[in-house]
All heavy atoms as atom14 arrays in JSON, in Angstrom:
{
  "sequence": "FIELAKSLFGHHVGGPAKVAVISSGLVGSVSGSVVGNIVTTGSFS",
  "atom14_mask": [
    [1, 1, 1, 1, 1, 1, 1, 1, 1, 1, 1, 0, 0, 0],
    [1, 1, 1, 1, 1, 1, 1, 1, 0, 0, 0, 0, 0, 0],
    [1, 1, 1, 1, 1, 1, 1, 1, 1, 0, 0, 0, 0, 0],
    [1, 1, 1, 1, 1, 1, 1, 1, 0, 0, 0, 0, 0, 0],
    [1, 1, 1, 1, 1, 0, 0, 0, 0, 0, 0, 0, 0, 0],
    [1, 1, 1, 1, 1, 1, 1, 1, 1, 0, 0, 0, 0, 0],
    [1, 1, 1, 1, 1, 1, 0, 0, 0, 0, 0, 0, 0, 0],
    [1, 1, 1, 1, 1, 1, 1, 1, 0, 0, 0, 0, 0, 0],
    [1, 1, 1, 1, 1, 1, 1, 1, 1, 1, 1, 0, 0, 0],
    [1, 1, 1, 1, 0, 0, 0, 0, 0, 0, 0, 0, 0, 0],
    [1, 1, 1, 1, 1, 1, 1, 1, 1, 1, 0, 0, 0, 0],
    [1, 1, 1, 1, 1, 1, 1, 1, 1, 1, 0, 0, 0, 0],
    [1, 1, 1, 1, 1, 1, 1, 0, 0, 0, 0, 0, 0, 0],
    [1, 1, 1, 1, 0, 0, 0, 0, 0, 0, 0, 0, 0, 0],
    [1, 1, 1, 1, 0, 0, 0, 0, 0, 0, 0, 0, 0, 0],
    [1, 1, 1, 1, 1, 1, 1, 0, 0, 0, 0, 0, 0, 0],
    [1, 1, 1, 1, 1, 0, 0, 0, 0, 0, 0, 0, 0, 0],
    [1, 1, 1, 1, 1, 1, 1, 1, 1, 0, 0, 0, 0, 0],
    [1, 1, 1, 1, 1, 1, 1, 0, 0, 0, 0, 0, 0, 0],
    [1, 1, 1, 1, 1, 0, 0, 0, 0, 0, 0, 0, 0, 0],
    [1, 1, 1, 1, 1, 1, 1, 0, 0, 0, 0, 0, 0, 0],
    [1, 1, 1, 1, 1, 1, 1, 1, 0, 0, 0, 0, 0, 0],
    [1, 1, 1, 1, 1, 1, 0, 0, 0, 0, 0, 0, 0, 0],
    [1, 1, 1, 1, 1, 1, 0, 0, 0, 0, 0, 0, 0, 0],
    [1, 1, 1, 1, 0, 0, 0, 0, 0, 0, 0, 0, 0, 0],
    [1, 1, 1, 1, 1, 1, 1, 1, 0, 0, 0, 0, 0, 0],
    [1, 1, 1, 1, 1, 1, 1, 0, 0, 0, 0, 0, 0, 0],
    [1, 1, 1, 1, 0, 0, 0, 0, 0, 0, 0, 0, 0, 0],
    [1, 1, 1, 1, 1, 1, 0, 0, 0, 0, 0, 0, 0, 0],
    [1, 1, 1, 1, 1, 1, 1, 0, 0, 0, 0, 0, 0, 0],
    [1, 1, 1, 1, 1, 1, 0, 0, 0, 0, 0, 0, 0, 0],
    [1, 1, 1, 1, 0, 0, 0, 0, 0, 0, 0, 0, 0, 0],
    [1, 1, 1, 1, 1, 1, 0, 0, 0, 0, 0, 0, 0, 0],
    [1, 1, 1, 1, 1, 1, 1, 0, 0, 0, 0, 0, 0, 0],
    [1, 1, 1, 1, 1, 1, 1, 0, 0, 0, 0, 0, 0, 0],
    [1, 1, 1, 1, 0, 0, 0, 0, 0, 0, 0, 0, 0, 0],
    [1, 1, 1, 1, 1, 1, 1, 1, 0, 0, 0, 0, 0, 0],
    [1, 1, 1, 1, 1, 1, 1, 1, 0, 0, 0, 0, 0, 0],
    [1, 1, 1, 1, 1, 1, 1, 0, 0, 0, 0, 0, 0, 0],
    [1, 1, 1, 1, 1, 1, 1, 0, 0, 0, 0, 0, 0, 0],
    [1, 1, 1, 1, 1, 1, 1, 0, 0, 0, 0, 0, 0, 0],
    [1, 1, 1, 1, 0, 0, 0, 0, 0, 0, 0, 0, 0, 0],
    [1, 1, 1, 1, 1, 1, 0, 0, 0, 0, 0, 0, 0, 0],
    [1, 1, 1, 1, 1, 1, 1, 1, 1, 1, 1, 0, 0, 0],
    [1, 1, 1, 1, 1, 1, 0, 0, 0, 0, 0, 0, 0, 0]
  ],
  "atom14_positions": [
    [[-15.22, -67.41, 28.51], [-15.44, -67.53, 29.95], [-16.71, -66.79, 30.37], [-17.48, -67.26, 31.21], [-14.24, -66.99, 30.73], [-13.02, -67.88, 30.68], [-11.75, -67.33, 30.68], [-13.15, -69.26, 30.61], [-10.62, -68.14, 30.63], [-12.02, -70.07, 30.56], [-10.75, -69.51, 30.57], [0.0, 0.0, 0.0], [0.0, 0.0, 0.0], [0.0, 0.0, 0.0]],
    [[-16.92, -65.61, 29.8], [-18.11, -64.82, 30.14], [-19.37, -65.54, 29.66], [-20.36, -65.64, 30.39], [-18.0, -63.41, 29.55], [-16.91, -62.61, 30.27], [-19.34, -62.67, 29.64], [-16.56, -61.3, 29.62], [0.0, 0.0, 0.0], [0.0, 0.0, 0.0], [0.0, 0.0, 0.0], [0.0, 0.0, 0.0], [0.0, 0.0, 0.0], [0.0, 0.0, 0.0]],
    [[-19.35, -66.06, 28.43], [-20.5, -66.79, 27.91], [-20.78, -68.05, 28.72], [-21.93, -68.39, 29.0], [-20.26, -67.16, 26.44], [-20.27, -65.98, 25.49], [-21.61, -65.26, 25.47], [-22.61, -65.88, 25.04], [-21.66, -64.1, 25.9], [0.0, 0.0, 0.0], [0.0, 0.0, 0.0], [0.0, 0.0, 0.0], [0.0, 0.0, 0.0], [0.0, 0.0, 0.0]],
    [[-19.72, -68.75, 29.13], [-19.89, -69.96, 29.94], [-20.5, -69.61, 31.3], [-21.42, -70.29, 31.78], [-18.54, -70.65, 30.13], [-18.55, -71.97, 30.93], [-19.41, -73.02, 30.23], [-17.13, -72.49, 31.13], [0.0, 0.0, 0.0], [0.0, 0.0, 0.0], [0.0, 0.0, 0.0], [0.0, 0.0, 0.0], [0.0, 0.0, 0.0], [0.0, 0.0, 0.0]],
    [[-19.98, -68.54, 31.92], [-20.53, -68.12, 33.21], [-21.99, -67.68, 33.07], [-22.82, -67.97, 33.93], [-19.69, -66.98, 33.78], [0.0, 0.0, 0.0], [0.0, 0.0, 0.0], [0.0, 0.0, 0.0], [0.0, 0.0, 0.0], [0.0, 0.0, 0.0], [0.0, 0.0, 0.0], [0.0, 0.0, 0.0], [0.0, 0.0, 0.0], [0.0, 0.0, 0.0]],
    [[-22.32, -67.02, 31.97], [-23.71, -66.63, 31.71], [-24.62, -67.86, 31.63], [-25.69, -67.9, 32.25], [-23.8, -65.87, 30.38], [-23.57, -64.38, 30.45], [-23.88, -63.82, 29.05], [-23.53, -62.35, 28.98], [-23.79, -61.82, 27.62], [0.0, 0.0, 0.0], [0.0, 0.0, 0.0], [0.0, 0.0, 0.0], [0.0, 0.0, 0.0], [0.0, 0.0, 0.0]],
    [[-24.17, -68.84, 30.87], [-25.01, -70.03, 30.67], [-25.22, -70.8, 31.96], [-26.27, -71.41, 32.16], [-24.38, -70.93, 29.6], [-23.18, -71.54, 30.09], [0.0, 0.0, 0.0], [0.0, 0.0, 0.0], [0.0, 0.0, 0.0], [0.0, 0.0, 0.0], [0.0, 0.0, 0.0], [0.0, 0.0, 0.0], [0.0, 0.0, 0.0], [0.0, 0.0, 0.0]],
    [[-24.24, -70.75, 32.86], [-24.34, -71.52, 34.11], [-25.04, -70.76, 35.23], [-25.77, -71.35, 36.03], [-22.93, -71.92, 34.58], [-22.17, -72.91, 33.7], [-20.74, -73.06, 34.19], [-22.87, -74.27, 33.69], [0.0, 0.0, 0.0], [0.0, 0.0, 0.0], [0.0, 0.0, 0.0], [0.0, 0.0, 0.0], [0.0, 0.0, 0.0], [0.0, 0.0, 0.0]],
    [[-24.84, -69.44, 35.3], [-25.32, -68.68, 36.46], [-26.21, -67.49, 36.11], [-26.74, -66.85, 37.01], [-24.12, -68.16, 37.27], [-23.2, -69.24, 37.76], [-22.0, -69.5, 37.1], [-23.53, -70.02, 38.86], [-21.15, -70.5, 37.53], [-22.69, -71.03, 39.29], [-21.5, -71.27, 38.63], [0.0, 0.0, 0.0], [0.0, 0.0, 0.0], [0.0, 0.0, 0.0]],
    [[-26.38, -67.19, 34.83], [-27.09, -65.98, 34.45], [-28.54, -65.95, 34.89], [-29.1, -64.88, 35.13], [0.0, 0.0, 0.0], [0.0, 0.0, 0.0], [0.0, 0.0, 0.0], [0.0, 0.0, 0.0], [0.0, 0.0, 0.0], [0.0, 0.0, 0.0], [0.0, 0.0, 0.0], [0.0, 0.0, 0.0], [0.0, 0.0, 0.0], [0.0, 0.0, 0.0]],
    [[-29.19, -67.12, 35.04], [-30.61, -67.15, 35.4], [-30.84, -67.1, 36.91], [-31.97, -66.98, 37.36], [-31.26, -68.41, 34.83], [-30.68, -69.69, 35.37], [-29.46, -70.17, 34.95], [-31.15, -70.57, 36.3], [-29.19, -71.3, 35.59], [-30.19, -71.56, 36.42], [0.0, 0.0, 0.0], [0.0, 0.0, 0.0], [0.0, 0.0, 0.0], [0.0, 0.0, 0.0]],
    [[-29.76, -67.19, 37.71], [-29.89, -67.15, 39.16], [-30.2, -65.73, 39.63], [-30.02, -64.76, 38.89], [-28.6, -67.61, 39.83], [-28.36, -69.09, 39.67], [-27.6, -69.83, 40.55], [-28.76, -69.97, 38.72], [-27.55, -71.08, 40.16], [-28.24, -71.19, 39.05], [0.0, 0.0, 0.0], [0.0, 0.0, 0.0], [0.0, 0.0, 0.0], [0.0, 0.0, 0.0]],
    [[-30.62, -65.61, 40.89], [-30.79, -64.29, 41.49], [-29.45, -63.56, 41.46], [-28.43, -64.1, 41.89], [-31.29, -64.41, 42.95], [-31.31, -63.03, 43.62], [-32.67, -65.03, 42.98], [0.0, 0.0, 0.0], [0.0, 0.0, 0.0], [0.0, 0.0, 0.0], [0.0, 0.0, 0.0], [0.0, 0.0, 0.0], [0.0, 0.0, 0.0], [0.0, 0.0, 0.0]],
    [[-29.44, -62.34, 40.94], [-28.17, -61.61, 40.81], [-27.27, -62.23, 39.77], [-26.05, -62.08, 39.84], [0.0, 0.0, 0.0], [0.0, 0.0, 0.0], [0.0, 0.0, 0.0], [0.0, 0.0, 0.0], [0.0, 0.0, 0.0], [0.0, 0.0, 0.0], [0.0, 0.0, 0.0], [0.0, 0.0, 0.0], [0.0, 0.0, 0.0], [0.0, 0.0, 0.0]],
    [[-27.86, -62.87, 38.77], [-27.09, -63.6, 37.77], [-25.99, -62.81, 37.09], [-24.85, -63.26, 37.02], [0.0, 0.0, 0.0], [0.0, 0.0, 0.0], [0.0, 0.0, 0.0], [0.0, 0.0, 0.0], [0.0, 0.0, 0.0], [0.0, 0.0, 0.0], [0.0, 0.0, 0.0], [0.0, 0.0, 0.0], [0.0, 0.0, 0.0], [0.0, 0.0, 0.0]],
    [[-26.28, -61.59, 36.58], [-25.23, -60.83, 35.89], [-24.0, -60.59, 36.75], [-22.86, -60.66, 36.26], [-25.93, -59.51, 35.55], [-27.37, -59.85, 35.49], [-27.58, -60.9, 36.54], [0.0, 0.0, 0.0], [0.0, 0.0, 0.0], [0.0, 0.0, 0.0], [0.0, 0.0, 0.0], [0.0, 0.0, 0.0], [0.0, 0.0, 0.0], [0.0, 0.0, 0.0]],
    [[-24.22, -60.28, 38.03], [-23.07, -60.04, 38.91], [-22.33, -61.33, 39.22], [-21.1, -61.34, 39.36], [-23.54, -59.37, 40.2], [0.0, 0.0, 0.0], [0.0, 0.0, 0.0], [0.0, 0.0, 0.0], [0.0, 0.0, 0.0], [0.0, 0.0, 0.0], [0.0, 0.0, 0.0], [0.0, 0.0, 0.0], [0.0, 0.0, 0.0], [0.0, 0.0, 0.0]],
    [[-23.05, -62.43, 39.33], [-22.39, -63.72, 39.55], [-21.56, -64.12, 38.33], [-20.5, -64.74, 38.45], [-23.42, -64.8, 39.9], [-24.03, -64.6, 41.29], [-25.13, -65.59, 41.59], [-25.73, -65.31, 42.98], [-26.89, -66.16, 43.28], [0.0, 0.0, 0.0], [0.0, 0.0, 0.0], [0.0, 0.0, 0.0], [0.0, 0.0, 0.0], [0.0, 0.0, 0.0]],
    [[-22.06, -63.75, 37.15], [-21.29, -63.97, 35.93], [-19.98, -63.2, 36.01], [-18.9, -63.72, 35.67], [-22.1, -63.52, 34.69], [-21.2, -63.46, 33.46], [-23.26, -64.48, 34.45], [0.0, 0.0, 0.0], [0.0, 0.0, 0.0], [0.0, 0.0, 0.0], [0.0, 0.0, 0.0], [0.0, 0.0, 0.0], [0.0, 0.0, 0.0], [0.0, 0.0, 0.0]],
    [[-20.04, -61.95, 36.5], [-18.83, -61.14, 36.64], [-17.86, -61.79, 37.61], [-16.64, -61.82, 37.36], [-19.19, -59.74, 37.14], [0.0, 0.0, 0.0], [0.0, 0.0, 0.0], [0.0, 0.0, 0.0], [0.0, 0.0, 0.0], [0.0, 0.0, 0.0], [0.0, 0.0, 0.0], [0.0, 0.0, 0.0], [0.0, 0.0, 0.0], [0.0, 0.0, 0.0]],
    [[-18.36, -62.32, 38.71], [-17.5, -62.95, 39.72], [-16.78, -64.15, 39.14], [-15.55, -64.29, 39.27], [-18.34, -63.36, 40.95], [-17.48, -64.17, 41.93], [-18.9, -62.14, 41.66], [0.0, 0.0, 0.0], [0.0, 0.0, 0.0], [0.0, 0.0, 0.0], [0.0, 0.0, 0.0], [0.0, 0.0, 0.0], [0.0, 0.0, 0.0], [0.0, 0.0, 0.0]],
    [[-17.53, -65.03, 38.49], [-16.93, -66.27, 37.96], [-15.96, -65.97, 36.82], [-14.83, -66.47, 36.79], [-18.03, -67.24, 37.48], [-18.99, -67.59, 38.62], [-17.41, -68.5, 36.89], [-18.34, -68.23, 39.81], [0.0, 0.0, 0.0], [0.0, 0.0, 0.0], [0.0, 0.0, 0.0], [0.0, 0.0, 0.0], [0.0, 0.0, 0.0], [0.0, 0.0, 0.0]],
    [[-16.39, -65.15, 35.87], [-15.54, -64.88, 34.7], [-14.28, -64.13, 35.11], [-13.19, -64.4, 34.58], [-16.31, -64.09, 33.64], [-16.78, -62.86, 34.17], [0.0, 0.0, 0.0], [0.0, 0.0, 0.0], [0.0, 0.0, 0.0], [0.0, 0.0, 0.0], [0.0, 0.0, 0.0], [0.0, 0.0, 0.0], [0.0, 0.0, 0.0], [0.0, 0.0, 0.0]],
    [[-14.41, -63.21, 36.06], [-13.23, -62.46, 36.51], [-12.24, -63.36, 37.22], [-11.02, -63.18, 37.1], [-13.65, -61.3, 37.43], [-14.42, -60.36, 36.73], [0.0, 0.0, 0.0], [0.0, 0.0, 0.0], [0.0, 0.0, 0.0], [0.0, 0.0, 0.0], [0.0, 0.0, 0.0], [0.0, 0.0, 0.0], [0.0, 0.0, 0.0], [0.0, 0.0, 0.0]],
    [[-12.75, -64.33, 37.98], [-11.86, -65.28, 38.64], [-11.1, -66.11, 37.64], [-9.89, -66.33, 37.77], [0.0, 0.0, 0.0], [0.0, 0.0, 0.0], [0.0, 0.0, 0.0], [0.0, 0.0, 0.0], [0.0, 0.0, 0.0], [0.0, 0.0, 0.0], [0.0, 0.0, 0.0], [0.0, 0.0, 0.0], [0.0, 0.0, 0.0], [0.0, 0.0, 0.0]],
    [[-11.78, -66.58, 36.59], [-11.14, -67.43, 35.59], [-10.1, -66.63, 34.79], [-8.97, -67.1, 34.58], [-12.2, -68.0, 34.64], [-13.15, -69.04, 35.25], [-14.29, -69.34, 34.29], [-12.4, -70.32, 35.59], [0.0, 0.0, 0.0], [0.0, 0.0, 0.0], [0.0, 0.0, 0.0], [0.0, 0.0, 0.0], [0.0, 0.0, 0.0], [0.0, 0.0, 0.0]],
    [[-10.48, -65.44, 34.34], [-9.56, -64.62, 33.54], [-8.4, -64.13, 34.41], [-7.24, -64.11, 33.99], [-10.3, -63.43, 32.89], [-9.31, -62.51, 32.17], [-11.36, -63.93, 31.93], [0.0, 0.0, 0.0], [0.0, 0.0, 0.0], [0.0, 0.0, 0.0], [0.0, 0.0, 0.0], [0.0, 0.0, 0.0], [0.0, 0.0, 0.0], [0.0, 0.0, 0.0]],
    [[-8.71, -63.73, 35.65], [-7.69, -63.18, 36.53], [-6.62, -64.17, 36.91], [-5.46, -63.8, 37.11], [0.0, 0.0, 0.0], [0.0, 0.0, 0.0], [0.0, 0.0, 0.0], [0.0, 0.0, 0.0], [0.0, 0.0, 0.0], [0.0, 0.0, 0.0], [0.0, 0.0, 0.0], [0.0, 0.0, 0.0], [0.0, 0.0, 0.0], [0.0, 0.0, 0.0]],
    [[-6.99, -65.43, 37.01], [-5.99, -66.45, 37.32], [-4.9, -66.49, 36.27], [-3.73, -66.71, 36.57], [-6.66, -67.82, 37.43], [-5.7, -68.84, 37.63], [0.0, 0.0, 0.0], [0.0, 0.0, 0.0], [0.0, 0.0, 0.0], [0.0, 0.0, 0.0], [0.0, 0.0, 0.0], [0.0, 0.0, 0.0], [0.0, 0.0, 0.0], [0.0, 0.0, 0.0]],
    [[-5.31, -66.28, 35.02], [-4.36, -66.35, 33.9], [-3.61, -65.03, 33.73], [-2.4, -65.01, 33.54], [-5.11, -66.71, 32.59], [-4.13, -66.73, 31.43], [-5.8, -68.05, 32.73], [0.0, 0.0, 0.0], [0.0, 0.0, 0.0], [0.0, 0.0, 0.0], [0.0, 0.0, 0.0], [0.0, 0.0, 0.0], [0.0, 0.0, 0.0], [0.0, 0.0, 0.0]],
    [[-4.33, -63.91, 33.82], [-3.71, -62.63, 33.47], [-2.74, -62.14, 34.53], [-1.69, -61.58, 34.22], [-4.8, -61.57, 33.25], [-5.39, -61.18, 34.47], [0.0, 0.0, 0.0], [0.0, 0.0, 0.0], [0.0, 0.0, 0.0], [0.0, 0.0, 0.0], [0.0, 0.0, 0.0], [0.0, 0.0, 0.0], [0.0, 0.0, 0.0], [0.0, 0.0, 0.0]],
    [[-3.1, -62.31, 35.82], [-2.22, -61.85, 36.9], [-2.19, -60.35, 37.08], [-1.49, -59.83, 37.92], [0.0, 0.0, 0.0], [0.0, 0.0, 0.0], [0.0, 0.0, 0.0], [0.0, 0.0, 0.0], [0.0, 0.0, 0.0], [0.0, 0.0, 0.0], [0.0, 0.0, 0.0], [0.0, 0.0, 0.0], [0.0, 0.0, 0.0], [0.0, 0.0, 0.0]],
    [[-2.99, -59.64, 36.3], [-3.03, -58.18, 36.38], [-4.42, -57.75, 36.79], [-5.4, -58.03, 36.08], [-2.67, -57.55, 35.03], [-3.0, -56.17, 35.02], [0.0, 0.0, 0.0], [0.0, 0.0, 0.0], [0.0, 0.0, 0.0], [0.0, 0.0, 0.0], [0.0, 0.0, 0.0], [0.0, 0.0, 0.0], [0.0, 0.0, 0.0], [0.0, 0.0, 0.0]],
    [[-4.54, -57.09, 37.94], [-5.85, -56.65, 38.41], [-6.49, -55.68, 37.42], [-7.64, -55.88, 36.99], [-5.72, -55.99, 39.8], [-7.06, -55.38, 40.22], [-5.28, -57.01, 40.84], [0.0, 0.0, 0.0], [0.0, 0.0, 0.0], [0.0, 0.0, 0.0], [0.0, 0.0, 0.0], [0.0, 0.0, 0.0], [0.0, 0.0, 0.0], [0.0, 0.0, 0.0]],
    [[-5.74, -54.65, 37.04], [-6.29, -53.64, 36.13], [-6.6, -54.26, 34.77], [-7.66, -54.01, 34.18], [-5.32, -52.45, 35.98], [-5.82, -51.48, 34.92], [-5.16, -51.74, 37.31], [0.0, 0.0, 0.0], [0.0, 0.0, 0.0], [0.0, 0.0, 0.0], [0.0, 0.0, 0.0], [0.0, 0.0, 0.0], [0.0, 0.0, 0.0], [0.0, 0.0, 0.0]],
    [[-5.69, -55.1, 34.27], [-5.92, -55.77, 32.99], [-7.17, -56.64, 33.02], [-7.95, -56.68, 32.06], [0.0, 0.0, 0.0], [0.0, 0.0, 0.0], [0.0, 0.0, 0.0], [0.0, 0.0, 0.0], [0.0, 0.0, 0.0], [0.0, 0.0, 0.0], [0.0, 0.0, 0.0], [0.0, 0.0, 0.0], [0.0, 0.0, 0.0], [0.0, 0.0, 0.0]],
    [[-7.37, -57.33, 34.14], [-8.54, -58.19, 34.29], [-9.81, -57.36, 34.32], [-10.82, -57.7, 33.7], [-8.39, -59.0, 35.59], [-9.39, -60.13, 35.69], [-10.12, -60.42, 34.74], [-9.44, -60.76, 36.83], [0.0, 0.0, 0.0], [0.0, 0.0, 0.0], [0.0, 0.0, 0.0], [0.0, 0.0, 0.0], [0.0, 0.0, 0.0], [0.0, 0.0, 0.0]],
    [[-9.78, -56.25, 35.06], [-10.96, -55.38, 35.16], [-11.33, -54.83, 33.79], [-12.51, -54.83, 33.4], [-10.7, -54.23, 36.15], [-10.64, -54.78, 37.58], [-11.77, -53.16, 36.05], [-10.15, -53.78, 38.61], [0.0, 0.0, 0.0], [0.0, 0.0, 0.0], [0.0, 0.0, 0.0], [0.0, 0.0, 0.0], [0.0, 0.0, 0.0], [0.0, 0.0, 0.0]],
    [[-10.33, -54.37, 33.06], [-10.59, -53.79, 31.74], [-11.15, -54.84, 30.79], [-12.06, -54.58, 29.99], [-9.31, -53.16, 31.16], [-9.5, -52.76, 29.72], [-8.9, -51.96, 32.0], [0.0, 0.0, 0.0], [0.0, 0.0, 0.0], [0.0, 0.0, 0.0], [0.0, 0.0, 0.0], [0.0, 0.0, 0.0], [0.0, 0.0, 0.0], [0.0, 0.0, 0.0]],
    [[-10.61, -56.08, 30.89], [-11.03, -57.16, 29.98], [-12.46, -57.61, 30.27], [-13.33, -57.57, 29.41], [-10.08, -58.36, 30.09], [-8.75, -57.93, 29.81], [-10.47, -59.45, 29.11], [0.0, 0.0, 0.0], [0.0, 0.0, 0.0], [0.0, 0.0, 0.0], [0.0, 0.0, 0.0], [0.0, 0.0, 0.0], [0.0, 0.0, 0.0], [0.0, 0.0, 0.0]],
    [[-12.7, -58.07, 31.51], [-14.02, -58.62, 31.83], [-15.01, -57.53, 32.21], [-16.21, -57.66, 31.97], [-13.92, -59.64, 32.98], [-13.3, -59.02, 34.11], [-13.09, -60.84, 32.56], [0.0, 0.0, 0.0], [0.0, 0.0, 0.0], [0.0, 0.0, 0.0], [0.0, 0.0, 0.0], [0.0, 0.0, 0.0], [0.0, 0.0, 0.0], [0.0, 0.0, 0.0]],
    [[-14.51, -56.44, 32.8], [-15.41, -55.38, 33.25], [-16.1, -54.65, 32.11], [-17.22, -54.14, 32.28], [0.0, 0.0, 0.0], [0.0, 0.0, 0.0], [0.0, 0.0, 0.0], [0.0, 0.0, 0.0], [0.0, 0.0, 0.0], [0.0, 0.0, 0.0], [0.0, 0.0, 0.0], [0.0, 0.0, 0.0], [0.0, 0.0, 0.0], [0.0, 0.0, 0.0]],
    [[-15.47, -54.6, 30.95], [-16.09, -53.92, 29.82], [-17.39, -54.62, 29.39], [-18.26, -54.01, 28.77], [-15.11, -53.85, 28.63], [-14.7, -55.15, 28.25], [0.0, 0.0, 0.0], [0.0, 0.0, 0.0], [0.0, 0.0, 0.0], [0.0, 0.0, 0.0], [0.0, 0.0, 0.0], [0.0, 0.0, 0.0], [0.0, 0.0, 0.0], [0.0, 0.0, 0.0]],
    [[-17.51, -55.93, 29.73], [-18.74, -56.67, 29.45], [-19.64, -56.72, 30.69], [-20.84, -56.47, 30.61], [-18.42, -58.11, 29.03], [-17.62, -58.22, 27.77], [-16.25, -58.39, 27.79], [-18.25, -58.16, 26.54], [-15.51, -58.49, 26.63], [-17.52, -58.27, 25.36], [-16.15, -58.43, 25.41], [0.0, 0.0, 0.0], [0.0, 0.0, 0.0], [0.0, 0.0, 0.0]],
    [[-19.03, -57.07, 31.83], [-19.83, -57.39, 33.01], [-20.45, -56.16, 33.67], [-21.59, -56.21, 34.14], [-18.98, -58.15, 34.02], [-17.92, -57.35, 34.51], [0.0, 0.0, 0.0], [0.0, 0.0, 0.0], [0.0, 0.0, 0.0], [0.0, 0.0, 0.0], [0.0, 0.0, 0.0], [0.0, 0.0, 0.0], [0.0, 0.0, 0.0], [0.0, 0.0, 0.0]]
  ]
}
């Protein structure tokens, strides 16, 4: 999810943060845990 978000939005203005927004939304929908989602995607983003 992070790599996909990078490829789609990484070159935009504020790309890295937009990658965090998109990837966190995708992962968070599945995990259902705020802290778990932050630890998973936040360690990269």
